[in-house]
Amino acid sequence: MHFYSSINVKSFDAFKRVDMYAFALVLWEICRRTVSQGITDEYQPPFYDAVNADPSFDEMRKVVCIDGYRPEIPNRWTTDPVCYQYYIMLTYIMSARIAGAYKLSPFLYL
């Protein structure tokens, strides 16, 4: 399946949603490597536990778009003062799944 069959290329908002989701994945990677409560996770790419090391576009589309899978967020992030701020943004961005209903919260304006 081609990328353009998964996104409305005539909608600028669709591209903004893709960018924000990619941004959330970068935040997730940063938090995994941040020392939180004396713990830091070893590097793993997003969806490491759901796809093979070199996933195809179709495999990623199934996991993210169809199955609605999201990277696991450790509970300790909710009690760490730094990771908690990322946790709020991550859960907000990654939960906005209804096309056209994605509105940026005031705390997300960068």
C-alpha atoms as a PDB file:
ATOM      1  CA  MET A   1       0.000   0.000   0.000  1.00  0.00           C
ATOM      2  CA  HIS A   2       1.262   3.447  -0.860  1.00  0.00           C
ATOM      3  CA  PHE A   3       1.747   6.200   1.768  1.00  0.00           C
ATOM      4  CA  TYR A   4      -0.710   8.503   0.037  1.00  0.00           C
ATOM      5  CA  SER A   5      -3.539   6.025   0.489  1.00  0.00           C
ATOM      6  CA  SER A   6      -3.142   6.484   4.264  1.00  0.00           C
ATOM      7  CA  ILE A   7      -3.269  10.284   4.379  1.00  0.00           C
ATOM      8  CA  ASN A   8      -5.450  12.941   2.844  1.00  0.00           C
ATOM      9  CA  VAL A   9      -2.790  14.810   0.841  1.00  0.00           C
ATOM     10  CA  LYS A  10      -5.209  17.680   0.207  1.00  0.00           C
ATOM     11  CA  SER A  11      -5.435  18.419   3.923  1.00  0.00           C
ATOM     12  CA  PHE A  12      -2.645  20.433   5.517  1.00  0.00           C
ATOM     13  CA  ASP A  13      -4.004  19.362   8.928  1.00  0.00           C
ATOM     14  CA  ALA A  14      -3.288  15.743   8.041  1.00  0.00           C
ATOM     15  CA  PHE A  15       0.380  16.598   7.537  1.00  0.00           C
ATOM     16  CA  LYS A  16       0.435  18.514  10.831  1.00  0.00           C
ATOM     17  CA  ARG A  17      -0.926  15.404  12.594  1.00  0.00           C
ATOM     18  CA  VAL A  18       1.811  13.279  11.028  1.00  0.00           C
ATOM     19  CA  ASP A  19       4.457  15.787  12.152  1.00  0.00           C
ATOM     20  CA  MET A  20       3.097  15.927  15.706  1.00  0.00           C
ATOM     21  CA  TYR A  21       2.972  12.138  15.915  1.00  0.00           C
ATOM     22  CA  ALA A  22       6.597  11.931  14.719  1.00  0.00           C
ATOM     23  CA  PHE A  23       7.508  14.573  17.313  1.00  0.00           C
ATOM     24  CA  ALA A  24       5.862  12.447  20.011  1.00  0.00           C
ATOM     25  CA  LEU A  25       7.952   9.460  18.959  1.00  0.00           C
ATOM     26  CA  VAL A  26      11.123  11.550  19.318  1.00  0.00           C
ATOM     27  CA  LEU A  27       9.992  12.630  22.808  1.00  0.00           C
ATOM     28  CA  TRP A  28       9.361   8.983  23.672  1.00  0.00           C
ATOM     29  CA  GLU A  29      12.910   8.096  22.581  1.00  0.00           C
ATOM     30  CA  ILE A  30      14.359  10.959  24.651  1.00  0.00           C
ATOM     31  CA  CYS A  31      12.429   9.904  27.748  1.00  0.00           C
ATOM     32  CA  ARG A  32      13.534   6.287  27.423  1.00  0.00           C
ATOM     33  CA  ARG A  33      17.157   7.449  27.621  1.00  0.00           C
ATOM     34  CA  THR A  34      16.557   9.983  30.415  1.00  0.00           C
ATOM     35  CA  VAL A  35      17.540   8.889  33.919  1.00  0.00           C
ATOM     36  CA  SER A  36      14.287   8.694  35.854  1.00  0.00           C
ATOM     37  CA  GLN A  37      14.255   7.471  39.462  1.00  0.00           C
ATOM     38  CA  GLY A  38      17.765   6.141  38.906  1.00  0.00           C
ATOM     39  CA  ILE A  39      16.647   4.052  35.928  1.00  0.00           C
ATOM     40  CA  THR A  40      17.332   4.500  32.242  1.00  0.00           C
ATOM     41  CA  ASP A  41      16.174   2.140  29.531  1.00  0.00           C
ATOM     42  CA  GLU A  42      18.515   0.912  26.846  1.00  0.00           C
ATOM     43  CA  TYR A  43      17.906   2.340  23.404  1.00  0.00           C
ATOM     44  CA  GLN A  44      15.086   0.742  21.460  1.00  0.00           C
ATOM     45  CA  PRO A  45      13.277   2.258  18.492  1.00  0.00           C
ATOM     46  CA  PRO A  46       9.539   2.922  18.826  1.00  0.00           C
ATOM     47  CA  PHE A  47       7.459  -0.206  18.213  1.00  0.00           C
ATOM     48  CA  TYR A  48      10.493  -2.455  18.843  1.00  0.00           C
ATOM     49  CA  ASP A  49       8.175  -4.857  20.648  1.00  0.00           C
ATOM     50  CA  ALA A  50       5.564  -4.948  17.870  1.00  0.00           C
ATOM     51  CA  VAL A  51       7.520  -5.193  14.594  1.00  0.00           C
ATOM     52  CA  ASN A  52      10.763  -6.700  13.339  1.00  0.00           C
ATOM     53  CA  ALA A  53      14.016  -4.707  13.139  1.00  0.00           C
ATOM     54  CA  ASP A  54      13.352  -3.468   9.585  1.00  0.00           C
ATOM     55  CA  PRO A  55       9.558  -3.197   9.218  1.00  0.00           C
ATOM     56  CA  SER A  56       7.861  -2.559   5.907  1.00  0.00           C
ATOM     57  CA  PHE A  57       5.487   0.347   5.379  1.00  0.00           C
ATOM     58  CA  ASP A  58       2.531  -2.059   5.377  1.00  0.00           C
ATOM     59  CA  GLU A  59       3.655  -3.621   8.654  1.00  0.00           C
ATOM     60  CA  MET A  60       3.945  -0.203  10.322  1.00  0.00           C
ATOM     61  CA  ARG A  61       0.607   0.924   8.881  1.00  0.00           C
ATOM     62  CA  LYS A  62      -1.078  -2.140  10.350  1.00  0.00           C
ATOM     63  CA  VAL A  63       0.497  -1.703  13.788  1.00  0.00           C
ATOM     64  CA  VAL A  64      -0.045   2.078  14.065  1.00  0.00           C
ATOM     65  CA  CYS A  65      -3.118   2.876  11.960  1.00  0.00           C
ATOM     66  CA  ILE A  66      -5.181  -0.293  12.037  1.00  0.00           C
ATOM     67  CA  ASP A  67      -4.261  -1.887  15.391  1.00  0.00           C
ATOM     68  CA  GLY A  68      -3.812   1.497  17.102  1.00  0.00           C
ATOM     69  CA  TYR A  69      -0.693   0.320  18.919  1.00  0.00           C
ATOM     70  CA  ARG A  70       1.305   2.953  20.795  1.00  0.00           C
ATOM     71  CA  PRO A  71       4.776   2.686  22.360  1.00  0.00           C
ATOM     72  CA  GLU A  72       4.720   1.597  25.998  1.00  0.00           C
ATOM     73  CA  ILE A  73       5.136   4.403  28.519  1.00  0.00           C
ATOM     74  CA  PRO A  74       6.653   3.312  31.847  1.00  0.00           C
ATOM     75  CA  ASN A  75       4.673   4.217  34.975  1.00  0.00           C
ATOM     76  CA  ARG A  76       7.717   5.892  36.537  1.00  0.00           C
ATOM     77  CA  TRP A  77       7.401   8.740  33.991  1.00  0.00           C
ATOM     78  CA  THR A  78       4.234   9.867  35.769  1.00  0.00           C
ATOM     79  CA  THR A  79       6.164  10.573  38.989  1.00  0.00           C
ATOM     80  CA  ASP A  80       9.337  12.071  37.509  1.00  0.00           C
ATOM     81  CA  PRO A  81       9.134  15.903  37.308  1.00  0.00           C
ATOM     82  CA  VAL A  82      10.815  16.089  33.876  1.00  0.00           C
ATOM     83  CA  CYS A  83       9.415  12.962  32.236  1.00  0.00           C
ATOM     84  CA  TYR A  84       5.925  13.789  33.498  1.00  0.00           C
ATOM     85  CA  GLN A  85       5.759  16.846  31.231  1.00  0.00           C
ATOM     86  CA  TYR A  86       6.712  14.673  28.261  1.00  0.00           C
ATOM     87  CA  TYR A  87       4.241  12.032  29.417  1.00  0.00           C
ATOM     88  CA  ILE A  88       1.403  14.577  29.250  1.00  0.00           C
ATOM     89  CA  MET A  89       2.342  15.627  25.710  1.00  0.00           C
ATOM     90  CA  LEU A  90       2.913  12.048  24.528  1.00  0.00           C
ATOM     91  CA  THR A  91      -0.399  10.731  25.771  1.00  0.00           C
ATOM     92  CA  TYR A  92      -2.250  13.716  24.346  1.00  0.00           C
ATOM     93  CA  ILE A  93      -0.627  13.567  20.913  1.00  0.00           C
ATOM     94  CA  MET A  94      -0.794   9.799  20.566  1.00  0.00           C
ATOM     95  CA  SER A  95      -4.404   9.566  21.695  1.00  0.00           C
ATOM     96  CA  ALA A  96      -5.695  12.043  19.100  1.00  0.00           C
ATOM     97  CA  ARG A  97      -6.765   9.442  16.567  1.00  0.00           C
ATOM     98  CA  ILE A  98      -9.943  10.775  14.995  1.00  0.00           C
ATOM     99  CA  ALA A  99      -9.187  12.400  11.626  1.00  0.00           C
ATOM    100  CA  GLY A 100     -10.074  16.059  11.578  1.00  0.00           C
ATOM    101  CA  ALA A 101     -10.557  16.253  15.340  1.00  0.00           C
ATOM    102  CA  TYR A 102      -6.928  16.930  16.180  1.00  0.00           C
ATOM    103  CA  LYS A 103      -6.654  20.234  17.996  1.00  0.00           C
ATOM    104  CA  LEU A 104      -3.451  21.343  19.637  1.00  0.00           C
ATOM    105  CA  SER A 105      -3.705  22.083  23.313  1.00  0.00           C
ATOM    106  CA  PRO A 106      -2.292  25.467  24.423  1.00  0.00           C
ATOM    107  CA  PHE A 107       0.599  23.724  26.211  1.00  0.00           C
ATOM    108  CA  LEU A 108       1.755  22.223  22.927  1.00  0.00           C
ATOM    109  CA  TYR A 109       2.440  25.494  21.154  1.00  0.00           C
ATOM    110  CA  LEU A 110       6.200  25.621  20.697  1.00  0.00           C
END
